[in-house]
C-alpha atoms as a PDB file:
ATOM      1  CA  MET A   1     175.368  88.032 -33.001  1.00  0.00           C
ATOM      2  CA  VAL A   2     173.126  88.828 -30.019  1.00  0.00           C
ATOM      3  CA  ALA A   3     169.563  89.269 -30.619  1.00  0.00           C
ATOM      4  CA  ARG A   4     168.103  92.430 -29.154  1.00  0.00           C
ATOM      5  CA  SER A   5     166.981  92.508 -25.542  1.00  0.00           C
ATOM      6  CA  ALA A   6     164.753  95.325 -23.906  1.00  0.00           C
ATOM      7  CA  PRO A   7     166.858  98.387 -23.933  1.00  0.00           C
ATOM      8  CA  ILE A   8     168.243  99.134 -20.152  1.00  0.00           C
ATOM      9  CA  LEU A   9     166.893 102.776 -20.384  1.00  0.00           C
ATOM     10  CA  PRO A  10     164.163 104.087 -22.371  1.00  0.00           C
ATOM     11  CA  VAL A  11     163.806 108.077 -23.002  1.00  0.00           C
ATOM     12  CA  PRO A  12     160.332 109.431 -23.457  1.00  0.00           C
ATOM     13  CA  ASN A  13     159.635 111.073 -26.861  1.00  0.00           C
ATOM     14  CA  LEU A  14     161.844 113.500 -27.957  1.00  0.00           C
ATOM     15  CA  PRO A  15     159.673 116.265 -30.406  1.00  0.00           C
ATOM     16  CA  LEU A  16     162.065 117.091 -32.956  1.00  0.00           C
ATOM     17  CA  PRO A  17     159.632 120.191 -34.775  1.00  0.00           C
ATOM     18  CA  ASP A  18     162.008 120.735 -37.585  1.00  0.00           C
ATOM     19  CA  GLU A  19     165.425 119.883 -39.208  1.00  0.00           C
ATOM     20  CA  ASP A  20     167.459 122.235 -37.163  1.00  0.00           C
ATOM     21  CA  ALA A  21     165.855 120.501 -34.359  1.00  0.00           C
ATOM     22  CA  THR A  22     166.911 116.963 -35.786  1.00  0.00           C
ATOM     23  CA  LEU A  23     170.540 118.241 -36.018  1.00  0.00           C
ATOM     24  CA  ALA A  24     170.634 119.894 -32.629  1.00  0.00           C
ATOM     25  CA  LEU A  25     170.212 115.947 -31.318  1.00  0.00           C
ATOM     26  CA  GLY A  26     172.865 114.709 -33.588  1.00  0.00           C
ATOM     27  CA  ALA A  27     175.334 117.701 -32.414  1.00  0.00           C
ATOM     28  CA  ALA A  28     174.127 116.596 -28.401  1.00  0.00           C
ATOM     29  CA  LEU A  29     175.334 113.635 -28.908  1.00  0.00           C
ATOM     30  CA  ALA A  30     178.365 114.349 -30.981  1.00  0.00           C
ATOM     31  CA  PRO A  31     180.888 114.805 -28.072  1.00  0.00           C
ATOM     32  CA  HIS A  32     179.923 111.515 -26.115  1.00  0.00           C
ATOM     33  CA  LEU A  33     180.933 109.627 -29.308  1.00  0.00           C
ATOM     34  CA  ALA A  34     183.176 106.672 -28.699  1.00  0.00           C
ATOM     35  CA  PRO A  35     185.382 104.464 -30.197  1.00  0.00           C
ATOM     36  CA  GLY A  36     183.200 100.962 -30.651  1.00  0.00           C
ATOM     37  CA  VAL A  37     179.773 102.418 -30.406  1.00  0.00           C
ATOM     38  CA  LEU A  38     176.860 101.536 -32.529  1.00  0.00           C
ATOM     39  CA  ILE A  39     173.864 103.419 -33.169  1.00  0.00           C
ATOM     40  CA  THR A  40     171.019 101.981 -35.000  1.00  0.00           C
ATOM     41  CA  LEU A  41     168.580 104.697 -36.903  1.00  0.00           C
ATOM     42  CA  ARG A  42     165.652 103.501 -37.744  1.00  0.00           C
ATOM     43  CA  GLY A  43     162.706 105.187 -39.681  1.00  0.00           C
ATOM     44  CA  GLU A  44     160.967 105.649 -42.905  1.00  0.00           C
ATOM     45  CA  LEU A  45     162.379 107.018 -46.066  1.00  0.00           C
ATOM     46  CA  GLY A  46     162.506 110.852 -45.257  1.00  0.00           C
ATOM     47  CA  ALA A  47     162.220 110.422 -41.480  1.00  0.00           C
ATOM     48  CA  GLY A  48     165.426 112.275 -40.903  1.00  0.00           C
ATOM     49  CA  LYS A  49     168.361 109.581 -39.795  1.00  0.00           C
ATOM     50  CA  THR A  50     170.759 111.304 -42.352  1.00  0.00           C
ATOM     51  CA  THR A  51     170.023 114.695 -41.148  1.00  0.00           C
ATOM     52  CA  LEU A  52     170.941 113.374 -37.495  1.00  0.00           C
ATOM     53  CA  VAL A  53     173.871 112.124 -38.634  1.00  0.00           C
ATOM     54  CA  ARG A  54     174.778 115.370 -40.374  1.00  0.00           C
ATOM     55  CA  GLY A  55     174.305 117.122 -37.447  1.00  0.00           C
ATOM     56  CA  MET A  56     176.895 114.863 -34.935  1.00  0.00           C
ATOM     57  CA  LEU A  57     179.453 115.219 -38.448  1.00  0.00           C
ATOM     58  CA  ARG A  58     179.013 119.477 -38.103  1.00  0.00           C
ATOM     59  CA  ALA A  59     179.286 119.178 -34.268  1.00  0.00           C
ATOM     60  CA  LEU A  60     182.297 116.815 -34.936  1.00  0.00           C
ATOM     61  CA  GLY A  61     184.082 119.225 -36.902  1.00  0.00           C
ATOM     62  CA  HIS A  62     183.689 117.674 -40.310  1.00  0.00           C
ATOM     63  CA  ALA A  63     182.498 120.781 -42.934  1.00  0.00           C
ATOM     64  CA  GLY A  64     182.017 119.099 -45.831  1.00  0.00           C
ATOM     65  CA  ARG A  65     179.180 117.338 -47.571  1.00  0.00           C
ATOM     66  CA  VAL A  66     177.176 114.802 -45.256  1.00  0.00           C
ATOM     67  CA  LYS A  67     175.061 112.219 -47.987  1.00  0.00           C
ATOM     68  CA  SER A  68     173.090 109.337 -47.444  1.00  0.00           C
ATOM     69  CA  PRO A  69     175.271 105.777 -48.181  1.00  0.00           C
ATOM     70  CA  THR A  70     171.455 104.606 -50.098  1.00  0.00           C
ATOM     71  CA  TYR A  71     173.912 103.574 -52.935  1.00  0.00           C
ATOM     72  CA  ALA A  72     177.547 103.367 -52.120  1.00  0.00           C
ATOM     73  CA  LEU A  73     176.062 101.421 -48.692  1.00  0.00           C
ATOM     74  CA  VAL A  74     179.013 103.377 -46.225  1.00  0.00           C
ATOM     75  CA  GLU A  75     181.030 106.710 -45.757  1.00  0.00           C
ATOM     76  CA  VAL A  76     183.656 106.948 -43.931  1.00  0.00           C
ATOM     77  CA  TYR A  77     184.886 109.644 -41.965  1.00  0.00           C
ATOM     78  CA  GLU A  78     187.955 110.359 -40.248  1.00  0.00           C
ATOM     79  CA  LEU A  79     187.913 112.687 -37.027  1.00  0.00           C
ATOM     80  CA  SER A  80     190.238 114.137 -35.053  1.00  0.00           C
ATOM     81  CA  ARG A  81     190.084 110.828 -32.489  1.00  0.00           C
ATOM     82  CA  LEU A  82     187.414 108.886 -34.071  1.00  0.00           C
ATOM     83  CA  PHE A  83     186.752 106.835 -37.342  1.00  0.00           C
ATOM     84  CA  LEU A  84     183.266 107.110 -37.858  1.00  0.00           C
ATOM     85  CA  TYR A  85     180.978 105.080 -39.891  1.00  0.00           C
ATOM     86  CA  HIS A  86     177.855 105.758 -41.713  1.00  0.00           C
ATOM     87  CA  PHE A  87     175.712 102.970 -43.042  1.00  0.00           C
ATOM     88  CA  ASP A  88     172.493 102.401 -45.129  1.00  0.00           C
ATOM     89  CA  PHE A  89     171.428  99.019 -45.810  1.00  0.00           C
ATOM     90  CA  TYR A  90     168.241 100.246 -47.204  1.00  0.00           C
ATOM     91  CA  ARG A  91     169.231  98.353 -50.862  1.00  0.00           C
ATOM     92  CA  PHE A  92     169.819  94.654 -48.996  1.00  0.00           C
ATOM     93  CA  GLN A  93     167.681  91.874 -50.045  1.00  0.00           C
ATOM     94  CA  ASP A  94     168.705  89.799 -47.669  1.00  0.00           C
ATOM     95  CA  PRO A  95     170.245  89.868 -44.716  1.00  0.00           C
ATOM     96  CA  SER A  96     173.614  87.936 -45.610  1.00  0.00           C
ATOM     97  CA  GLU A  97     174.352  90.629 -47.837  1.00  0.00           C
ATOM     98  CA  TRP A  98     176.186  92.066 -45.160  1.00  0.00           C
ATOM     99  CA  ILE A  99     178.114  89.374 -44.695  1.00  0.00           C
ATOM    100  CA  GLU A 100     178.812  89.210 -48.370  1.00  0.00           C
ATOM    101  CA  ALA A 101     179.903  93.435 -48.453  1.00  0.00           C
ATOM    102  CA  GLY A 102     183.279  92.417 -45.738  1.00  0.00           C
ATOM    103  CA  PHE A 103     181.564  94.886 -42.988  1.00  0.00           C
ATOM    104  CA  ARG A 104     182.153  92.522 -39.779  1.00  0.00           C
ATOM    105  CA  ASP A 105     185.478  93.700 -39.667  1.00  0.00           C
ATOM    106  CA  ILE A 106     184.813  97.384 -39.248  1.00  0.00           C
ATOM    107  CA  PHE A 107     182.259  96.831 -36.544  1.00  0.00           C
ATOM    108  CA  ASN A 108     185.297  95.597 -33.943  1.00  0.00           C
ATOM    109  CA  GLY A 109     185.078  97.773 -31.049  1.00  0.00           C
ATOM    110  CA  GLN A 110     187.162 100.456 -32.420  1.00  0.00           C
ATOM    111  CA  ASN A 111     184.449 102.704 -34.838  1.00  0.00           C
ATOM    112  CA  VAL A 112     182.070 104.431 -34.587  1.00  0.00           C
ATOM    113  CA  CYS A 113     179.189 102.850 -36.491  1.00  0.00           C
ATOM    114  CA  LEU A 114     175.890 104.393 -37.116  1.00  0.00           C
ATOM    115  CA  VAL A 115     173.708 102.264 -39.373  1.00  0.00           C
ATOM    116  CA  GLU A 116     170.404 103.264 -41.032  1.00  0.00           C
ATOM    117  CA  TRP A 117     167.660 100.174 -41.839  1.00  0.00           C
ATOM    118  CA  PRO A 118     169.539  97.763 -39.171  1.00  0.00           C
ATOM    119  CA  GLU A 119     166.803  95.798 -39.929  1.00  0.00           C
ATOM    120  CA  ARG A 120     168.096  94.881 -43.694  1.00  0.00           C
ATOM    121  CA  ALA A 121     171.111  93.260 -42.104  1.00  0.00           C
ATOM    122  CA  ARG A 122     169.180  91.157 -38.900  1.00  0.00           C
ATOM    123  CA  GLY A 123     171.190  88.700 -37.040  1.00  0.00           C
ATOM    124  CA  GLN A 124     174.212  90.212 -38.513  1.00  0.00           C
ATOM    125  CA  LEU A 125     174.976  93.118 -36.296  1.00  0.00           C
ATOM    126  CA  PRO A 126     175.836  93.132 -33.306  1.00  0.00           C
ATOM    127  CA  PRO A 127     173.938  94.712 -30.521  1.00  0.00           C
ATOM    128  CA  ALA A 128     173.305  98.678 -30.817  1.00  0.00           C
ATOM    129  CA  ASP A 129     174.346 100.647 -27.965  1.00  0.00           C
ATOM    130  CA  LEU A 130     171.620 103.188 -28.523  1.00  0.00           C
ATOM    131  CA  GLU A 131     168.651 103.003 -31.090  1.00  0.00           C
ATOM    132  CA  ILE A 132     167.302 106.056 -32.009  1.00  0.00           C
ATOM    133  CA  ALA A 133     163.974 105.462 -34.125  1.00  0.00           C
ATOM    134  CA  LEU A 134     162.625 109.021 -36.112  1.00  0.00           C
ATOM    135  CA  GLU A 135     158.898 108.727 -37.093  1.00  0.00           C
ATOM    136  CA  LEU A 136     157.009 111.256 -39.048  1.00  0.00           C
ATOM    137  CA  THR A 137     154.719 113.600 -37.167  1.00  0.00           C
ATOM    138  CA  GLU A 138     153.106 116.874 -37.846  1.00  0.00           C
ATOM    139  CA  PRO A 139     154.988 119.276 -37.510  1.00  0.00           C
ATOM    140  CA  GLY A 140     158.137 117.729 -37.646  1.00  0.00           C
ATOM    141  CA  ARG A 141     159.388 114.576 -36.763  1.00  0.00           C
ATOM    142  CA  LEU A 142     159.196 112.303 -33.217  1.00  0.00           C
ATOM    143  CA  ALA A 143     161.968 110.615 -32.110  1.00  0.00           C
ATOM    144  CA  LYS A 144     162.065 107.149 -29.555  1.00  0.00           C
ATOM    145  CA  LEU A 145     165.558 106.370 -28.097  1.00  0.00           C
ATOM    146  CA  ALA A 146     166.481 103.509 -26.396  1.00  0.00           C
ATOM    147  CA  ALA A 147     169.986 102.661 -24.224  1.00  0.00           C
ATOM    148  CA  PHE A 148     170.784  98.721 -24.999  1.00  0.00           C
ATOM    149  CA  SER A 149     174.602  98.827 -23.146  1.00  0.00           C
ATOM    150  CA  PRO A 150     175.700 101.279 -20.834  1.00  0.00           C
ATOM    151  CA  ALA A 151     177.893 102.860 -23.466  1.00  0.00           C
ATOM    152  CA  GLY A 152     174.424 104.045 -24.626  1.00  0.00           C
ATOM    153  CA  GLU A 153     172.948 104.926 -21.547  1.00  0.00           C
ATOM    154  CA  ARG A 154     175.971 107.439 -21.315  1.00  0.00           C
ATOM    155  CA  LEU A 155     174.845 109.102 -24.337  1.00  0.00           C
ATOM    156  CA  LEU A 156     171.350 109.357 -23.654  1.00  0.00           C
ATOM    157  CA  ALA A 157     172.615 110.910 -19.986  1.00  0.00           C
ATOM    158  CA  ALA A 158     174.277 113.532 -22.044  1.00  0.00           C
ATOM    159  CA  LEU A 159     170.935 115.289 -24.023  1.00  0.00           C
ATOM    160  CA  PRO A 160     170.037 117.695 -22.447  1.00  0.00           C
ATOM    161  CA  PRO A 161     166.158 117.937 -20.802  1.00  0.00           C
ATOM    162  CA  SER A 162     163.470 117.963 -23.005  1.00  0.00           C
END
């Protein structure tokens, strides 16, 4: 797989003062998700990665439960126009576990893939279109977004001005 390059388009840090703001960021990105998009989500435990995904899924019409795939490794959501795969590689001890899990075929340009803890599969994932790094701050969180492809640029361009 290709090593990550410098971002095409970084965005200034986006303060997320509470859970509602994190959900709103996910909701703002959701209508612009397209097949083949890969978004990596970085941040320590409790930083809001799954909350951000929940915001995306709710905006796409998913009314069911949204849980972290920490134990299952992946949760799949079939939405009207998308197959969305929410991965969590926190439990990986070695990047080769990504290959052993058989995930390569899912990253096929037809699915939306949201990946928590992408560094645990380093060297195995295709390049991200968009990276979102969440940091715990007082109060809330700080989101750092960077686009690494034209698809990532389109996602960033869709965000309302802060």
